[in-house]
Amino acid sequence: MTTLETWKEQVLDYNTSLNDKLRQNEIAKSLYYGFKVIDGKLIDKPDILFVGINPGMGNKTRHYSVQFDNERISYLDKYNDDYRVDYPRTYHLAEKTIKFFEQMKWSNVKIIDLLENKVVKTNFYHIATNNGNDINKTVNQIENGFHHSYFQKSAEFTLKLIEIIKPKLVILEGKKVYDDIVVQCCGQKDTWKTDKFGDCFDKKLNTHFIGYDRTFSNDNRAVFVARLQELLNKE
């Protein structure tokens, strides 16, 4: 079985090689910012593994490097006094995520403790771009159609991480990443609910997946939060 250290080495080697190739292409360099593997700490057996589609543009700095992890998950920035000044975008994933726990009547102390000590945050693709459409545009600068092999490698890394760290629950941040992992990789069909969220248990990975649509209405969100609370309360 692959160890976590071996996984880290393989991911770092692959992303470094890909980054070196992309840095030689001017079109690619205009489309991506760098690579980010883990947002925050990488721990074993977290309560929750958050998986997005790919890192966003962050502070718009094109660092063209591979960043692996850091001590503090970016979601905690939501509690900074200057959060709205430093992050003036209209869409804030951290706010949407934290709102789920606030609707479960969790205190700020409990939410912060969860984010600091009991979660891992990663993305299906580690390449940072303005949006999901730019992922294929960027990697296809290496070779036409390269995005197919990039998808396969990203799937391999994501599923292996789940297998190694054994999260109690995987929250998939958006329908696209839910479809990529649950439908295409795990072969689970008809698990997307009319309330705009997905919910399934994968026996092979021994992991429960729950995912949500980013265009939630208040009613959709209420149903999702109730299910999330139920899963988190399970022993």
C-alpha atoms as a PDB file:
ATOM      1  CA  MET A   1       0.000   0.000   0.000  1.00  0.00           C
ATOM      2  CA  THR A   2       1.255   3.481  -0.845  1.00  0.00           C
ATOM      3  CA  THR A   3       2.318   5.450   2.215  1.00  0.00           C
ATOM      4  CA  LEU A   4       1.545   9.115   2.693  1.00  0.00           C
ATOM      5  CA  GLU A   5       5.205  10.035   2.255  1.00  0.00           C
ATOM      6  CA  THR A   6       5.376   8.094  -1.019  1.00  0.00           C
ATOM      7  CA  TRP A   7       2.190   9.794  -2.195  1.00  0.00           C
ATOM      8  CA  LYS A   8       3.644  13.203  -1.402  1.00  0.00           C
ATOM      9  CA  GLU A   9       6.818  12.403  -3.334  1.00  0.00           C
ATOM     10  CA  GLN A  10       4.881  11.188  -6.372  1.00  0.00           C
ATOM     11  CA  VAL A  11       2.578  14.216  -6.392  1.00  0.00           C
ATOM     12  CA  LEU A  12       5.464  16.633  -5.971  1.00  0.00           C
ATOM     13  CA  ASP A  13       7.496  14.975  -8.752  1.00  0.00           C
ATOM     14  CA  TYR A  14       4.569  14.984 -11.190  1.00  0.00           C
ATOM     15  CA  ASN A  15       3.511  18.562 -10.497  1.00  0.00           C
ATOM     16  CA  THR A  16       7.093  19.823 -10.643  1.00  0.00           C
ATOM     17  CA  SER A  17       7.633  18.178 -14.028  1.00  0.00           C
ATOM     18  CA  LEU A  18       4.345  19.562 -15.361  1.00  0.00           C
ATOM     19  CA  ASN A  19       5.124  23.012 -14.011  1.00  0.00           C
ATOM     20  CA  ASP A  20       8.550  23.012 -15.697  1.00  0.00           C
ATOM     21  CA  LYS A  21       6.937  22.227 -19.054  1.00  0.00           C
ATOM     22  CA  LEU A  22       4.225  24.862 -18.695  1.00  0.00           C
ATOM     23  CA  ARG A  23       6.739  27.563 -17.781  1.00  0.00           C
ATOM     24  CA  GLN A  24       8.282  27.145 -21.228  1.00  0.00           C
ATOM     25  CA  ASN A  25       5.022  28.060 -22.981  1.00  0.00           C
ATOM     26  CA  GLU A  26       3.935  31.714 -23.046  1.00  0.00           C
ATOM     27  CA  ILE A  27       0.239  30.933 -23.592  1.00  0.00           C
ATOM     28  CA  ALA A  28       0.213  28.545 -20.642  1.00  0.00           C
ATOM     29  CA  LYS A  29       2.002  31.125 -18.493  1.00  0.00           C
ATOM     30  CA  SER A  30      -0.786  33.602 -19.195  1.00  0.00           C
ATOM     31  CA  LEU A  31      -3.419  31.111 -18.031  1.00  0.00           C
ATOM     32  CA  TYR A  32      -2.134  29.621 -14.787  1.00  0.00           C
ATOM     33  CA  TYR A  33      -0.579  30.798 -11.538  1.00  0.00           C
ATOM     34  CA  GLY A  34       1.199  27.759 -10.143  1.00  0.00           C
ATOM     35  CA  PHE A  35       0.287  24.612  -8.225  1.00  0.00           C
ATOM     36  CA  LYS A  36      -1.191  24.098  -4.776  1.00  0.00           C
ATOM     37  CA  VAL A  37      -1.690  20.582  -3.423  1.00  0.00           C
ATOM     38  CA  ILE A  38      -2.982  20.997   0.139  1.00  0.00           C
ATOM     39  CA  ASP A  39      -4.590  24.101   1.638  1.00  0.00           C
ATOM     40  CA  GLY A  40      -3.579  23.904   5.300  1.00  0.00           C
ATOM     41  CA  LYS A  41      -2.181  20.836   7.053  1.00  0.00           C
ATOM     42  CA  LEU A  42      -2.135  17.278   5.756  1.00  0.00           C
ATOM     43  CA  ILE A  43      -3.254  15.021   8.605  1.00  0.00           C
ATOM     44  CA  ASP A  44      -4.283  11.395   9.003  1.00  0.00           C
ATOM     45  CA  LYS A  45      -7.919  10.391   9.575  1.00  0.00           C
ATOM     46  CA  PRO A  46      -9.505  13.869   9.445  1.00  0.00           C
ATOM     47  CA  ASP A  47     -13.162  14.347  10.248  1.00  0.00           C
ATOM     48  CA  ILE A  48     -13.625  15.970   6.830  1.00  0.00           C
ATOM     49  CA  LEU A  49     -11.730  16.042   3.556  1.00  0.00           C
ATOM     50  CA  PHE A  50     -12.822  19.003   1.418  1.00  0.00           C
ATOM     51  CA  VAL A  51     -12.199  18.571  -2.311  1.00  0.00           C
ATOM     52  CA  GLY A  52     -12.700  21.412  -4.792  1.00  0.00           C
ATOM     53  CA  ILE A  53     -12.138  21.360  -8.528  1.00  0.00           C
ATOM     54  CA  ASN A  54      -8.876  23.364  -8.477  1.00  0.00           C
ATOM     55  CA  PRO A  55      -7.178  26.176  -6.531  1.00  0.00           C
ATOM     56  CA  GLY A  56      -8.379  29.639  -7.420  1.00  0.00           C
ATOM     57  CA  MET A  57      -6.224  32.551  -8.423  1.00  0.00           C
ATOM     58  CA  GLY A  58      -5.617  33.558  -4.796  1.00  0.00           C
ATOM     59  CA  ASN A  59      -3.996  36.983  -4.654  1.00  0.00           C
ATOM     60  CA  LYS A  60      -3.412  36.874  -8.436  1.00  0.00           C
ATOM     61  CA  THR A  61       0.336  36.344  -8.040  1.00  0.00           C
ATOM     62  CA  ARG A  62       1.791  34.185 -10.806  1.00  0.00           C
ATOM     63  CA  HIS A  63       4.415  32.339  -8.770  1.00  0.00           C
ATOM     64  CA  TYR A  64       4.821  29.420 -11.224  1.00  0.00           C
ATOM     65  CA  SER A  65       5.872  27.126  -8.397  1.00  0.00           C
ATOM     66  CA  VAL A  66       4.558  24.002  -6.667  1.00  0.00           C
ATOM     67  CA  GLN A  67       3.290  24.688  -3.156  1.00  0.00           C
ATOM     68  CA  PHE A  68       2.443  21.631  -1.109  1.00  0.00           C
ATOM     69  CA  ASP A  69       0.874  22.522   2.236  1.00  0.00           C
ATOM     70  CA  ASN A  70       0.992  25.077   5.026  1.00  0.00           C
ATOM     71  CA  GLU A  71       0.047  25.368   8.686  1.00  0.00           C
ATOM     72  CA  ARG A  72      -3.185  27.324   8.254  1.00  0.00           C
ATOM     73  CA  ILE A  73      -6.138  26.544   5.998  1.00  0.00           C
ATOM     74  CA  SER A  74      -7.218  29.612   4.028  1.00  0.00           C
ATOM     75  CA  TYR A  75     -10.848  29.214   5.187  1.00  0.00           C
ATOM     76  CA  LEU A  76      -9.780  30.694   8.519  1.00  0.00           C
ATOM     77  CA  ASP A  77      -9.185  34.002   6.713  1.00  0.00           C
ATOM     78  CA  LYS A  78     -12.930  34.491   6.948  1.00  0.00           C
ATOM     79  CA  TYR A  79     -12.429  35.401  10.599  1.00  0.00           C
ATOM     80  CA  ASN A  80      -9.909  38.166   9.803  1.00  0.00           C
ATOM     81  CA  ASP A  81     -11.144  41.718  10.380  1.00  0.00           C
ATOM     82  CA  ASP A  82      -9.856  42.753   6.947  1.00  0.00           C
ATOM     83  CA  TYR A  83     -11.221  39.708   5.104  1.00  0.00           C
ATOM     84  CA  ARG A  84     -13.503  41.747   2.846  1.00  0.00           C
ATOM     85  CA  VAL A  85     -10.669  44.154   2.073  1.00  0.00           C
ATOM     86  CA  ASP A  86      -8.063  41.515   1.212  1.00  0.00           C
ATOM     87  CA  TYR A  87     -10.532  39.242  -0.585  1.00  0.00           C
ATOM     88  CA  PRO A  88     -12.991  41.596  -2.365  1.00  0.00           C
ATOM     89  CA  ARG A  89     -14.431  38.953  -4.679  1.00  0.00           C
ATOM     90  CA  THR A  90     -18.198  38.464  -4.740  1.00  0.00           C
ATOM     91  CA  TYR A  91     -17.894  34.693  -4.323  1.00  0.00           C
ATOM     92  CA  HIS A  92     -16.298  33.395  -1.142  1.00  0.00           C
ATOM     93  CA  LEU A  93     -16.009  29.633  -0.803  1.00  0.00           C
ATOM     94  CA  ALA A  94     -14.867  29.972   2.810  1.00  0.00           C
ATOM     95  CA  GLU A  95     -17.999  31.904   3.722  1.00  0.00           C
ATOM     96  CA  LYS A  96     -20.272  29.392   2.019  1.00  0.00           C
ATOM     97  CA  THR A  97     -18.522  26.477   3.731  1.00  0.00           C
ATOM     98  CA  ILE A  98     -18.556  28.057   7.187  1.00  0.00           C
ATOM     99  CA  LYS A  99     -22.220  28.983   6.768  1.00  0.00           C
ATOM    100  CA  PHE A 100     -23.106  25.267   6.682  1.00  0.00           C
ATOM    101  CA  PHE A 101     -21.704  24.834  10.198  1.00  0.00           C
ATOM    102  CA  GLU A 102     -23.249  28.063  11.427  1.00  0.00           C
ATOM    103  CA  GLN A 103     -26.640  26.757  10.293  1.00  0.00           C
ATOM    104  CA  MET A 104     -25.993  23.684  12.444  1.00  0.00           C
ATOM    105  CA  LYS A 105     -25.705  26.139  15.368  1.00  0.00           C
ATOM    106  CA  TRP A 106     -21.986  25.532  15.823  1.00  0.00           C
ATOM    107  CA  SER A 107     -20.100  28.240  17.701  1.00  0.00           C
ATOM    108  CA  ASN A 108     -17.189  30.073  16.089  1.00  0.00           C
ATOM    109  CA  VAL A 109     -14.873  28.309  18.554  1.00  0.00           C
ATOM    110  CA  LYS A 110     -16.080  24.879  17.423  1.00  0.00           C
ATOM    111  CA  ILE A 111     -15.851  25.789  13.732  1.00  0.00           C
ATOM    112  CA  ILE A 112     -12.334  27.207  14.112  1.00  0.00           C
ATOM    113  CA  ASP A 113     -11.204  24.106  16.024  1.00  0.00           C
ATOM    114  CA  LEU A 114     -12.548  21.915  13.213  1.00  0.00           C
ATOM    115  CA  LEU A 115     -10.768  23.934  10.522  1.00  0.00           C
ATOM    116  CA  GLU A 116      -7.512  24.134  12.465  1.00  0.00           C
ATOM    117  CA  ASN A 117      -7.230  20.529  13.584  1.00  0.00           C
ATOM    118  CA  LYS A 118      -9.700  18.138  11.988  1.00  0.00           C
ATOM    119  CA  VAL A 119      -9.926  18.799   8.255  1.00  0.00           C
ATOM    120  CA  VAL A 120      -7.844  18.457   5.105  1.00  0.00           C
ATOM    121  CA  LYS A 121      -8.503  20.623   2.064  1.00  0.00           C
ATOM    122  CA  THR A 122      -7.333  19.718  -1.429  1.00  0.00           C
ATOM    123  CA  ASN A 123      -8.514  19.951  -5.040  1.00  0.00           C
ATOM    124  CA  PHE A 124      -9.024  17.400  -7.798  1.00  0.00           C
ATOM    125  CA  TYR A 125      -6.634  19.396  -9.985  1.00  0.00           C
ATOM    126  CA  HIS A 126      -3.661  21.034  -8.298  1.00  0.00           C
ATOM    127  CA  ILE A 127      -3.083  23.654 -11.005  1.00  0.00           C
ATOM    128  CA  ALA A 128      -4.294  27.150 -10.073  1.00  0.00           C
ATOM    129  CA  THR A 129      -6.265  29.055 -12.734  1.00  0.00           C
ATOM    130  CA  ASN A 130      -8.888  31.794 -12.944  1.00  0.00           C
ATOM    131  CA  ASN A 131     -11.621  29.242 -13.628  1.00  0.00           C
ATOM    132  CA  GLY A 132     -12.226  25.610 -14.482  1.00  0.00           C
ATOM    133  CA  ASN A 133     -12.272  26.213 -18.225  1.00  0.00           C
ATOM    134  CA  ASP A 134      -8.657  27.374 -18.131  1.00  0.00           C
ATOM    135  CA  ILE A 135      -7.440  24.017 -16.774  1.00  0.00           C
ATOM    136  CA  ASN A 136      -7.740  22.199 -20.103  1.00  0.00           C
ATOM    137  CA  LYS A 137      -6.598  25.253 -22.064  1.00  0.00           C
ATOM    138  CA  THR A 138      -3.430  25.401 -19.973  1.00  0.00           C
ATOM    139  CA  VAL A 139      -2.342  21.768 -19.966  1.00  0.00           C
ATOM    140  CA  ASN A 140      -3.221  21.308 -23.644  1.00  0.00           C
ATOM    141  CA  GLN A 141      -0.418  23.733 -24.450  1.00  0.00           C
ATOM    142  CA  ILE A 142       1.928  20.826 -23.721  1.00  0.00           C
ATOM    143  CA  GLU A 143       0.173  18.535 -26.187  1.00  0.00           C
ATOM    144  CA  ASN A 144      -3.239  18.587 -27.813  1.00  0.00           C
ATOM    145  CA  GLY A 145      -5.547  16.394 -25.739  1.00  0.00           C
ATOM    146  CA  PHE A 146      -3.151  16.248 -22.798  1.00  0.00           C
ATOM    147  CA  HIS A 147      -6.073  17.085 -20.486  1.00  0.00           C
ATOM    148  CA  HIS A 148      -7.252  13.457 -20.751  1.00  0.00           C
ATOM    149  CA  SER A 149      -4.082  12.078 -19.178  1.00  0.00           C
ATOM    150  CA  TYR A 150      -4.061  14.958 -16.696  1.00  0.00           C
ATOM    151  CA  PHE A 151      -7.563  13.968 -15.604  1.00  0.00           C
ATOM    152  CA  GLN A 152      -6.474  10.356 -15.106  1.00  0.00           C
ATOM    153  CA  LYS A 153      -3.436  11.356 -13.056  1.00  0.00           C
ATOM    154  CA  SER A 154      -5.471  13.777 -10.959  1.00  0.00           C
ATOM    155  CA  ALA A 155      -8.047  11.065 -10.311  1.00  0.00           C
ATOM    156  CA  GLU A 156      -5.304   8.640  -9.283  1.00  0.00           C
ATOM    157  CA  PHE A 157      -3.819  11.114  -6.815  1.00  0.00           C
ATOM    158  CA  THR A 158      -7.191  12.101  -5.334  1.00  0.00           C
ATOM    159  CA  LEU A 159      -8.485   8.565  -4.813  1.00  0.00           C
ATOM    160  CA  LYS A 160      -5.156   7.429  -3.387  1.00  0.00           C
ATOM    161  CA  LEU A 161      -5.176  10.300  -0.896  1.00  0.00           C
ATOM    162  CA  ILE A 162      -8.649   9.284   0.289  1.00  0.00           C
ATOM    163  CA  GLU A 163      -7.487   5.686   0.629  1.00  0.00           C
ATOM    164  CA  ILE A 164      -4.413   6.695   2.652  1.00  0.00           C
ATOM    165  CA  ILE A 165      -5.748   9.307   5.101  1.00  0.00           C
ATOM    166  CA  LYS A 166      -9.189   7.687   5.575  1.00  0.00           C
ATOM    167  CA  PRO A 167     -11.429  10.734   6.184  1.00  0.00           C
ATOM    168  CA  LYS A 168     -14.717  10.159   7.981  1.00  0.00           C
ATOM    169  CA  LEU A 169     -16.496  12.269   5.368  1.00  0.00           C
ATOM    170  CA  VAL A 170     -15.565  13.770   1.990  1.00  0.00           C
ATOM    171  CA  ILE A 171     -17.305  17.027   1.066  1.00  0.00           C
ATOM    172  CA  LEU A 172     -17.121  17.744  -2.658  1.00  0.00           C
ATOM    173  CA  GLU A 173     -17.359  21.455  -3.384  1.00  0.00           C
ATOM    174  CA  GLY A 174     -19.476  21.633  -6.523  1.00  0.00           C
ATOM    175  CA  LYS A 175     -21.312  19.342  -8.915  1.00  0.00           C
ATOM    176  CA  LYS A 176     -18.387  19.205 -11.351  1.00  0.00           C
ATOM    177  CA  VAL A 177     -15.998  17.669  -8.828  1.00  0.00           C
ATOM    178  CA  TYR A 178     -18.792  15.404  -7.545  1.00  0.00           C
ATOM    179  CA  ASP A 179     -19.344  14.062 -11.055  1.00  0.00           C
ATOM    180  CA  ASP A 180     -15.602  13.694 -11.674  1.00  0.00           C
ATOM    181  CA  ILE A 181     -14.982  11.660  -8.531  1.00  0.00           C
ATOM    182  CA  VAL A 182     -18.229   9.890  -7.656  1.00  0.00           C
ATOM    183  CA  VAL A 183     -19.596   9.247 -11.142  1.00  0.00           C
ATOM    184  CA  GLN A 184     -16.552   8.951 -13.402  1.00  0.00           C
ATOM    185  CA  CYS A 185     -13.983   7.552 -10.956  1.00  0.00           C
ATOM    186  CA  CYS A 186     -16.113   5.529  -8.548  1.00  0.00           C
ATOM    187  CA  GLY A 187     -18.850   4.573 -11.022  1.00  0.00           C
ATOM    188  CA  GLN A 188     -21.686   5.621  -8.714  1.00  0.00           C
ATOM    189  CA  LYS A 189     -24.845   6.497 -10.648  1.00  0.00           C
ATOM    190  CA  ASP A 190     -28.050   8.334  -9.716  1.00  0.00           C
ATOM    191  CA  THR A 191     -26.715   9.713  -6.434  1.00  0.00           C
ATOM    192  CA  TRP A 192     -27.405  13.369  -7.233  1.00  0.00           C
ATOM    193  CA  LYS A 193     -30.580  14.532  -5.470  1.00  0.00           C
ATOM    194  CA  THR A 194     -33.263  16.913  -6.691  1.00  0.00           C
ATOM    195  CA  ASP A 195     -32.249  19.184  -3.820  1.00  0.00           C
ATOM    196  CA  LYS A 196     -29.009  19.937  -5.674  1.00  0.00           C
ATOM    197  CA  PHE A 197     -26.674  17.782  -3.650  1.00  0.00           C
ATOM    198  CA  GLY A 198     -25.063  14.387  -4.007  1.00  0.00           C
ATOM    199  CA  ASP A 199     -24.907  11.721  -1.343  1.00  0.00           C
ATOM    200  CA  CYS A 200     -23.377   8.254  -1.522  1.00  0.00           C
ATOM    201  CA  PHE A 201     -21.227   5.724   0.298  1.00  0.00           C
ATOM    202  CA  ASP A 202     -18.428   4.069  -1.654  1.00  0.00           C
ATOM    203  CA  LYS A 203     -17.702   0.572  -0.352  1.00  0.00           C
ATOM    204  CA  LYS A 204     -14.336   0.228  -2.072  1.00  0.00           C
ATOM    205  CA  LEU A 205     -12.941   3.370  -0.440  1.00  0.00           C
ATOM    206  CA  ASN A 206     -15.062   2.868   2.695  1.00  0.00           C
ATOM    207  CA  THR A 207     -15.866   6.568   2.490  1.00  0.00           C
ATOM    208  CA  HIS A 208     -19.026   8.655   2.456  1.00  0.00           C
ATOM    209  CA  PHE A 209     -19.207  11.396  -0.180  1.00  0.00           C
ATOM    210  CA  ILE A 210     -21.508  14.377  -0.029  1.00  0.00           C
ATOM    211  CA  GLY A 211     -21.419  17.191  -2.552  1.00  0.00           C
ATOM    212  CA  TYR A 212     -23.351  20.356  -3.211  1.00  0.00           C
ATOM    213  CA  ASP A 213     -24.311  22.628  -6.062  1.00  0.00           C
ATOM    214  CA  ARG A 214     -22.839  26.118  -5.699  1.00  0.00           C
ATOM    215  CA  THR A 215     -26.137  27.611  -6.919  1.00  0.00           C
ATOM    216  CA  PHE A 216     -28.002  26.511  -3.775  1.00  0.00           C
ATOM    217  CA  SER A 217     -31.285  28.156  -2.860  1.00  0.00           C
ATOM    218  CA  ASN A 218     -32.049  28.571   0.835  1.00  0.00           C
ATOM    219  CA  ASP A 219     -34.304  25.501   0.723  1.00  0.00           C
ATOM    220  CA  ASN A 220     -31.616  23.390  -0.980  1.00  0.00           C
ATOM    221  CA  ARG A 221     -29.088  24.515   1.605  1.00  0.00           C
ATOM    222  CA  ALA A 222     -31.362  23.567   4.496  1.00  0.00           C
ATOM    223  CA  VAL A 223     -31.770  20.013   3.190  1.00  0.00           C
ATOM    224  CA  PHE A 224     -28.032  19.661   2.616  1.00  0.00           C
ATOM    225  CA  VAL A 225     -27.167  21.003   6.080  1.00  0.00           C
ATOM    226  CA  ALA A 226     -29.572  18.560   7.727  1.00  0.00           C
ATOM    227  CA  ARG A 227     -27.914  15.647   5.907  1.00  0.00           C
ATOM    228  CA  LEU A 228     -24.424  16.961   6.689  1.00  0.00           C
ATOM    229  CA  GLN A 229     -25.271  17.202  10.365  1.00  0.00           C
ATOM    230  CA  GLU A 230     -26.646  13.661  10.335  1.00  0.00           C
ATOM    231  CA  LEU A 231     -23.442  12.295   8.788  1.00  0.00           C
ATOM    232  CA  LEU A 232     -21.152  14.206  11.151  1.00  0.00           C
ATOM    233  CA  ASN A 233     -23.082  12.893  14.161  1.00  0.00           C
ATOM    234  CA  LYS A 234     -22.643   9.275  13.074  1.00  0.00           C
ATOM    235  CA  GLU A 235     -20.050   7.303  15.015  1.00  0.00           C
END
